[in-house]
C-alpha atoms as a PDB file:
ATOM      1  CA  UNK A   1      12.781  -1.000   1.310  1.00  0.00           C
ATOM      2  CA  UNK A   2      10.307  -3.873   1.308  1.00  0.00           C
ATOM      3  CA  UNK A   3       7.598  -4.312   3.951  1.00  0.00           C
ATOM      4  CA  UNK A   4       4.952  -6.956   4.523  1.00  0.00           C
ATOM      5  CA  UNK A   5       1.837  -7.173   6.655  1.00  0.00           C
ATOM      6  CA  UNK A   6      -1.193  -9.448   7.093  1.00  0.00           C
ATOM      7  CA  UNK A   7      -4.622  -7.914   7.461  1.00  0.00           C
ATOM      8  CA  UNK A   8      -8.250  -8.923   7.901  1.00  0.00           C
ATOM      9  CA  UNK A   9      -9.282  -6.392   5.216  1.00  0.00           C
ATOM     10  CA  UNK A  10     -10.090  -7.700   1.738  1.00  0.00           C
ATOM     11  CA  UNK A  11      -7.629  -6.915  -1.037  1.00  0.00           C
ATOM     12  CA  UNK A  12     -10.148  -4.460  -2.511  1.00  0.00           C
ATOM     13  CA  UNK A  13     -10.406  -2.596   0.800  1.00  0.00           C
ATOM     14  CA  UNK A  14      -6.614  -2.535   1.239  1.00  0.00           C
ATOM     15  CA  UNK A  15      -6.232  -0.930  -2.182  1.00  0.00           C
ATOM     16  CA  UNK A  16      -9.019   1.583  -1.433  1.00  0.00           C
ATOM     17  CA  UNK A  17      -7.355   2.501   1.871  1.00  0.00           C
ATOM     18  CA  UNK A  18      -3.961   2.838   0.171  1.00  0.00           C
ATOM     19  CA  UNK A  19      -5.404   5.166  -2.457  1.00  0.00           C
ATOM     20  CA  UNK A  20      -7.081   7.340   0.193  1.00  0.00           C
ATOM     21  CA  UNK A  21      -3.927   7.465   2.334  1.00  0.00           C
ATOM     22  CA  UNK A  22      -1.228   8.014  -0.295  1.00  0.00           C
ATOM     23  CA  UNK A  23      -3.228  10.402  -2.509  1.00  0.00           C
ATOM     24  CA  UNK A  24      -3.807  12.554   0.594  1.00  0.00           C
ATOM     25  CA  UNK A  25      -0.001  12.740   0.866  1.00  0.00           C
ATOM     26  CA  UNK A  26       0.238  14.038  -2.701  1.00  0.00           C
ATOM     27  CA  UNK A  27       1.324  10.858  -4.468  1.00  0.00           C
ATOM     28  CA  UNK A  28      -0.182  10.056  -7.862  1.00  0.00           C
ATOM     29  CA  UNK A  29      -1.399   6.663  -9.047  1.00  0.00           C
ATOM     30  CA  UNK A  30       0.773   5.408 -11.897  1.00  0.00           C
ATOM     31  CA  UNK A  31      -0.717   1.904 -12.182  1.00  0.00           C
ATOM     32  CA  UNK A  32      -3.692   0.083 -10.696  1.00  0.00           C
ATOM     33  CA  UNK A  33      -5.350  -3.296 -11.132  1.00  0.00           C
ATOM     34  CA  UNK A  34      -7.370  -5.730  -8.992  1.00  0.00           C
ATOM     35  CA  UNK A  35      -4.378  -6.806  -6.887  1.00  0.00           C
ATOM     36  CA  UNK A  36      -1.967  -3.871  -6.820  1.00  0.00           C
ATOM     37  CA  UNK A  37      -1.489  -0.137  -6.997  1.00  0.00           C
ATOM     38  CA  UNK A  38       1.597   2.011  -7.653  1.00  0.00           C
ATOM     39  CA  UNK A  39       2.160   5.610  -6.611  1.00  0.00           C
ATOM     40  CA  UNK A  40       4.867   8.161  -7.420  1.00  0.00           C
ATOM     41  CA  UNK A  41       5.691  11.554  -5.994  1.00  0.00           C
ATOM     42  CA  UNK A  42       8.072  13.484  -3.796  1.00  0.00           C
ATOM     43  CA  UNK A  43      11.103  11.893  -5.407  1.00  0.00           C
ATOM     44  CA  UNK A  44      10.024   8.349  -4.570  1.00  0.00           C
ATOM     45  CA  UNK A  45       7.457   5.644  -5.088  1.00  0.00           C
ATOM     46  CA  UNK A  46       5.225   3.129  -3.317  1.00  0.00           C
ATOM     47  CA  UNK A  47       4.144  -0.171  -4.899  1.00  0.00           C
ATOM     48  CA  UNK A  48       1.549  -2.182  -2.990  1.00  0.00           C
ATOM     49  CA  UNK A  49       0.602  -5.757  -3.957  1.00  0.00           C
ATOM     50  CA  UNK A  50      -2.027  -7.950  -2.304  1.00  0.00           C
ATOM     51  CA  UNK A  51      -2.374 -11.716  -2.031  1.00  0.00           C
ATOM     52  CA  UNK A  52      -5.510 -13.359  -0.622  1.00  0.00           C
ATOM     53  CA  UNK A  53      -5.503 -16.438   1.565  1.00  0.00           C
ATOM     54  CA  UNK A  54      -6.904 -16.926   5.066  1.00  0.00           C
ATOM     55  CA  UNK A  55      -5.942 -13.275   5.481  1.00  0.00           C
ATOM     56  CA  UNK A  56      -4.809 -10.721   2.937  1.00  0.00           C
ATOM     57  CA  UNK A  57      -1.033 -10.519   2.656  1.00  0.00           C
ATOM     58  CA  UNK A  58       0.236  -7.101   1.642  1.00  0.00           C
ATOM     59  CA  UNK A  59       3.681  -6.538   0.130  1.00  0.00           C
ATOM     60  CA  UNK A  60       4.901  -2.946  -0.111  1.00  0.00           C
ATOM     61  CA  UNK A  61       8.011  -1.780  -1.927  1.00  0.00           C
ATOM     62  CA  UNK A  62       8.996   1.845  -1.372  1.00  0.00           C
ATOM     63  CA  UNK A  63      11.682   4.424  -1.879  1.00  0.00           C
ATOM     64  CA  UNK A  64      11.653   7.698   0.107  1.00  0.00           C
ATOM     65  CA  UNK A  65       8.302   6.940   1.789  1.00  0.00           C
ATOM     66  CA  UNK A  66       9.338   4.480   4.540  1.00  0.00           C
ATOM     67  CA  UNK A  67       7.911   6.447   7.467  1.00  0.00           C
ATOM     68  CA  UNK A  68       4.524   6.893   5.795  1.00  0.00           C
ATOM     69  CA  UNK A  69       4.437   3.248   4.679  1.00  0.00           C
ATOM     70  CA  UNK A  70       5.041   2.207   8.300  1.00  0.00           C
ATOM     71  CA  UNK A  71       2.119   4.424   9.385  1.00  0.00           C
ATOM     72  CA  UNK A  72      -0.088   2.858   6.709  1.00  0.00           C
ATOM     73  CA  UNK A  73       0.886  -0.640   7.866  1.00  0.00           C
ATOM     74  CA  UNK A  74      -0.177   0.255  11.416  1.00  0.00           C
ATOM     75  CA  UNK A  75      -3.588   1.308  10.071  1.00  0.00           C
ATOM     76  CA  UNK A  76      -4.280  -1.968   8.268  1.00  0.00           C
ATOM     77  CA  UNK A  77      -2.232  -4.548  10.202  1.00  0.00           C
ATOM     78  CA  UNK A  78      -3.528  -6.973  12.755  1.00  0.00           C
END
């Protein structure tokens, strides 16, 4: 499933928050750069990409982690 959200957080802060949140759930980072981070674990994955403009747009692609992605979106969304 694909999700999107706009946030007032910078892309760096969004990625930091994603790492804190998803690592606490037991997912492991499989890829990371300045604009995105990918996690795997529990039979699924989460890929988060950021795009800066007036706000930071966040695109999240997930399999098996929909409920937790929705919780994360509530934490960072405006």
